């Protein structure tokens, strides 16, 4: 089943379909808004994404169905003050990285999630989800079926360690790096 995108809960009107099909608007003007059913069956990661917007051409944008039984949908919206705003409803928010969306949700619902993320960060990459899951189970034994989803969110929302680009063979080390290395004893 492909992604279904809606406008105000309805299928696209012919003029909207034509505008998209003809390439009248690019991903900088037309965004998609992620919508859930807003009921007790919505998974935490999906609930966190509810109401978020993404550039229509963003390869990292969530595309329903995200999991088995997912009932989420996308709705086309326009970036404010663009030509697309004359065809599509105007977005009320701006795009935000998924990690930031998950962090905001976890801050509200799982206050100790930074401990979970820190524990997971100490593990090998292939073991991070398991470590996050077990840490969540220890801190919040009554989470039930949502534990796996929340663990995945904590791992994804965790701050990424800074990486240093390798120096190419025969290349020089930037002055700031060389100065920092010279200060080491």
Protein backbone atom coordinates (compact mmCIF):
# COMPACT_ATOMS: atom_id res chain seq x y z
CA UNK A 1 0.00 0.00 0.00
CA UNK A 2 1.43 3.38 -0.99
CA UNK A 3 1.44 6.57 1.02
CA UNK A 4 -1.94 8.26 1.11
CA UNK A 5 -1.77 12.02 1.36
CA UNK A 6 -4.89 13.97 2.14
CA UNK A 7 -6.10 17.54 2.19
CA UNK A 8 -8.35 18.26 5.17
CA UNK A 9 -9.21 14.55 5.41
CA UNK A 10 -10.26 14.29 1.76
CA UNK A 11 -8.48 12.93 -1.28
CA UNK A 12 -6.72 15.53 -3.42
CA UNK A 13 -8.90 17.73 -5.58
CA UNK A 14 -8.18 17.66 -9.33
CA UNK A 15 -6.48 21.10 -9.24
CA UNK A 16 -4.25 20.01 -6.35
CA UNK A 17 -3.31 16.77 -8.09
CA UNK A 18 -2.58 18.65 -11.30
CA UNK A 19 -0.39 21.20 -9.50
CA UNK A 20 1.65 18.44 -7.87
CA UNK A 21 1.79 16.29 -11.01
CA UNK A 22 2.99 19.16 -13.18
CA UNK A 23 5.74 20.01 -10.71
CA UNK A 24 4.31 23.48 -10.11
CA UNK A 25 5.63 23.38 -6.55
CA UNK A 26 8.84 21.97 -5.13
CA UNK A 27 9.59 20.50 -1.71
CA UNK A 28 10.42 23.97 -0.43
CA UNK A 29 6.80 25.08 -0.96
CA UNK A 30 4.77 21.92 -0.39
CA UNK A 31 5.19 20.07 2.88
CA UNK A 32 3.46 17.02 4.33
CA UNK A 33 1.94 16.95 7.79
CA UNK A 34 1.98 13.68 9.73
CA UNK A 35 -1.37 12.79 11.29
CA UNK A 36 -2.42 9.98 13.62
CA UNK A 37 -5.89 8.80 14.61
CA UNK A 38 -5.32 10.44 18.04
CA UNK A 39 -6.75 7.51 19.99
CA UNK A 40 -5.52 5.04 22.62
CA UNK A 41 -4.11 2.69 19.97
CA UNK A 42 -1.52 5.14 18.60
CA UNK A 43 2.08 4.11 19.33
CA UNK A 44 4.33 6.60 21.15
CA UNK A 45 6.62 7.27 18.16
CA UNK A 46 3.60 7.98 15.99
CA UNK A 47 2.02 10.20 18.67
CA UNK A 48 5.28 12.16 18.89
CA UNK A 49 5.19 12.76 15.12
CA UNK A 50 1.53 13.87 15.07
CA UNK A 51 1.25 17.38 13.67
CA UNK A 52 4.87 17.58 12.50
CA UNK A 53 5.61 18.79 8.99
CA UNK A 54 8.28 17.68 6.56
CA UNK A 55 9.42 18.86 3.18
CA UNK A 56 7.59 16.81 0.58
CA UNK A 57 10.92 15.75 -0.92
CA UNK A 58 12.66 14.99 2.41
CA UNK A 59 13.93 11.39 2.27
CA UNK A 60 13.82 11.22 6.09
CA UNK A 61 10.16 12.21 6.31
CA UNK A 62 8.00 9.52 7.89
CA UNK A 63 5.88 7.72 5.30
CA UNK A 64 2.95 5.72 6.67
CA UNK A 65 2.51 2.90 7.36
CA UNK A 66 5.43 3.10 9.81
CA UNK A 67 4.71 -0.25 11.45
CA UNK A 68 2.29 -3.14 11.19
CA UNK A 69 -1.26 -1.87 11.68
CA UNK A 70 -0.28 1.81 11.34
CA UNK A 71 -3.29 4.00 10.59
CA UNK A 72 -1.40 7.27 10.19
CA UNK A 73 -1.75 9.53 7.17
CA UNK A 74 -0.01 12.44 5.52
CA UNK A 75 -1.72 15.68 4.58
CA UNK A 76 -0.27 18.12 2.08
CA UNK A 77 0.24 21.61 3.49
CA UNK A 78 1.94 24.71 2.13
CA UNK A 79 4.87 26.61 3.52
CA UNK A 80 3.56 30.01 4.62
CA UNK A 81 3.87 32.90 2.14
CA UNK A 82 4.43 30.75 -0.95
CA UNK A 83 2.42 30.22 -4.13
CA UNK A 84 1.45 26.79 -2.80
CA UNK A 85 -0.44 28.53 0.02
CA UNK A 86 -3.09 29.46 -2.57
CA UNK A 87 -3.73 25.77 -3.30
CA UNK A 88 -3.04 23.92 -0.03
CA UNK A 89 -3.80 24.65 3.63
CA UNK A 90 -0.97 26.63 5.25
CA UNK A 91 1.23 24.76 7.73
CA UNK A 92 0.99 25.96 11.32
CA UNK A 93 4.48 24.72 12.28
CA UNK A 94 7.87 24.43 10.61
CA UNK A 95 9.87 21.26 9.93
CA UNK A 96 11.94 19.97 12.87
CA UNK A 97 14.40 17.04 12.84
CA UNK A 98 12.88 13.74 14.00
CA UNK A 99 15.42 13.44 16.85
CA UNK A 100 14.23 16.78 18.26
CA UNK A 101 10.58 15.72 17.94
CA UNK A 102 11.30 12.49 19.83
CA UNK A 103 13.35 14.33 22.50
CA UNK A 104 10.47 16.75 23.16
CA UNK A 105 7.99 13.87 23.47
CA UNK A 106 10.31 11.92 25.78
CA UNK A 107 10.96 15.01 27.94
CA UNK A 108 7.23 15.16 28.59
CA UNK A 109 6.43 11.45 28.96
CA UNK A 110 9.66 9.74 30.08
CA UNK A 111 11.65 12.27 32.13
CA UNK A 112 14.59 9.92 32.74
CA UNK A 113 15.11 9.21 29.04
CA UNK A 114 18.57 10.90 28.98
CA UNK A 115 19.77 8.16 31.36
CA UNK A 116 18.42 5.58 28.93
CA UNK A 117 20.14 7.27 25.99
CA UNK A 118 23.43 7.56 27.91
CA UNK A 119 23.38 3.87 28.84
CA UNK A 120 22.63 2.93 25.23
CA UNK A 121 25.42 5.18 23.93
CA UNK A 122 27.95 3.15 25.95
CA UNK A 123 26.96 -0.05 24.12
CA UNK A 124 28.07 -1.29 20.73
CA UNK A 125 25.80 0.04 17.95
CA UNK A 126 24.14 -3.36 17.42
CA UNK A 127 23.29 -3.56 21.13
CA UNK A 128 22.02 -0.01 21.75
CA UNK A 129 18.33 -0.78 21.31
CA UNK A 130 18.52 -3.76 23.68
CA UNK A 131 20.39 -1.72 26.30
CA UNK A 132 17.86 1.12 26.00
CA UNK A 133 14.98 -1.35 26.31
CA UNK A 134 16.43 -3.01 29.42
CA UNK A 135 17.26 0.35 31.02
CA UNK A 136 13.71 1.58 30.39
CA UNK A 137 12.29 -1.63 31.88
CA UNK A 138 14.41 -1.08 35.00
CA UNK A 139 13.45 2.60 35.38
CA UNK A 140 9.79 2.23 34.33
CA UNK A 141 8.63 -1.36 34.93
CA UNK A 142 4.99 -0.57 34.03
CA UNK A 143 5.45 0.78 30.50
CA UNK A 144 4.26 -2.47 28.94
CA UNK A 145 4.08 -2.79 25.18
CA UNK A 146 5.30 0.78 24.59
CA UNK A 147 8.77 0.05 26.01
CA UNK A 148 10.27 -1.05 22.67
CA UNK A 149 8.97 2.02 20.85
CA UNK A 150 10.17 4.39 23.59
CA UNK A 151 13.60 2.71 23.63
CA UNK A 152 13.93 3.23 19.87
CA UNK A 153 12.94 6.87 20.30
CA UNK A 154 15.52 7.38 23.08
CA UNK A 155 18.28 5.90 20.93
CA UNK A 156 17.30 8.08 17.97
CA UNK A 157 16.91 11.24 20.09
CA UNK A 158 20.25 10.82 21.86
CA UNK A 159 22.80 13.49 21.03
CA UNK A 160 25.22 12.19 18.43
CA UNK A 161 28.91 12.22 19.36
CA UNK A 162 31.05 14.68 17.43
CA UNK A 163 33.05 13.05 14.70
CA UNK A 164 36.37 14.23 13.37
CA UNK A 165 36.97 13.86 9.67
CA UNK A 166 40.07 11.80 8.87
CA UNK A 167 43.00 13.62 7.33
CA UNK A 168 43.64 12.55 3.76
CA UNK A 169 47.00 11.00 2.99
CA UNK A 170 49.49 13.78 2.44
CA UNK A 171 46.96 16.35 3.69
CA UNK A 172 47.53 18.82 6.45
CA UNK A 173 45.85 19.07 9.81
CA UNK A 174 43.74 22.24 10.29
CA UNK A 175 45.52 24.80 12.51
CA UNK A 176 42.88 24.62 15.26
CA UNK A 177 43.26 20.84 15.51
CA UNK A 178 47.07 21.02 15.38
CA UNK A 179 47.06 23.61 18.15
CA UNK A 180 44.83 21.45 20.34
CA UNK A 181 47.02 18.40 19.72
CA UNK A 182 50.19 20.37 20.52
CA UNK A 183 48.74 21.28 23.92
CA UNK A 184 48.40 17.61 24.92
CA UNK A 185 51.16 16.25 27.10
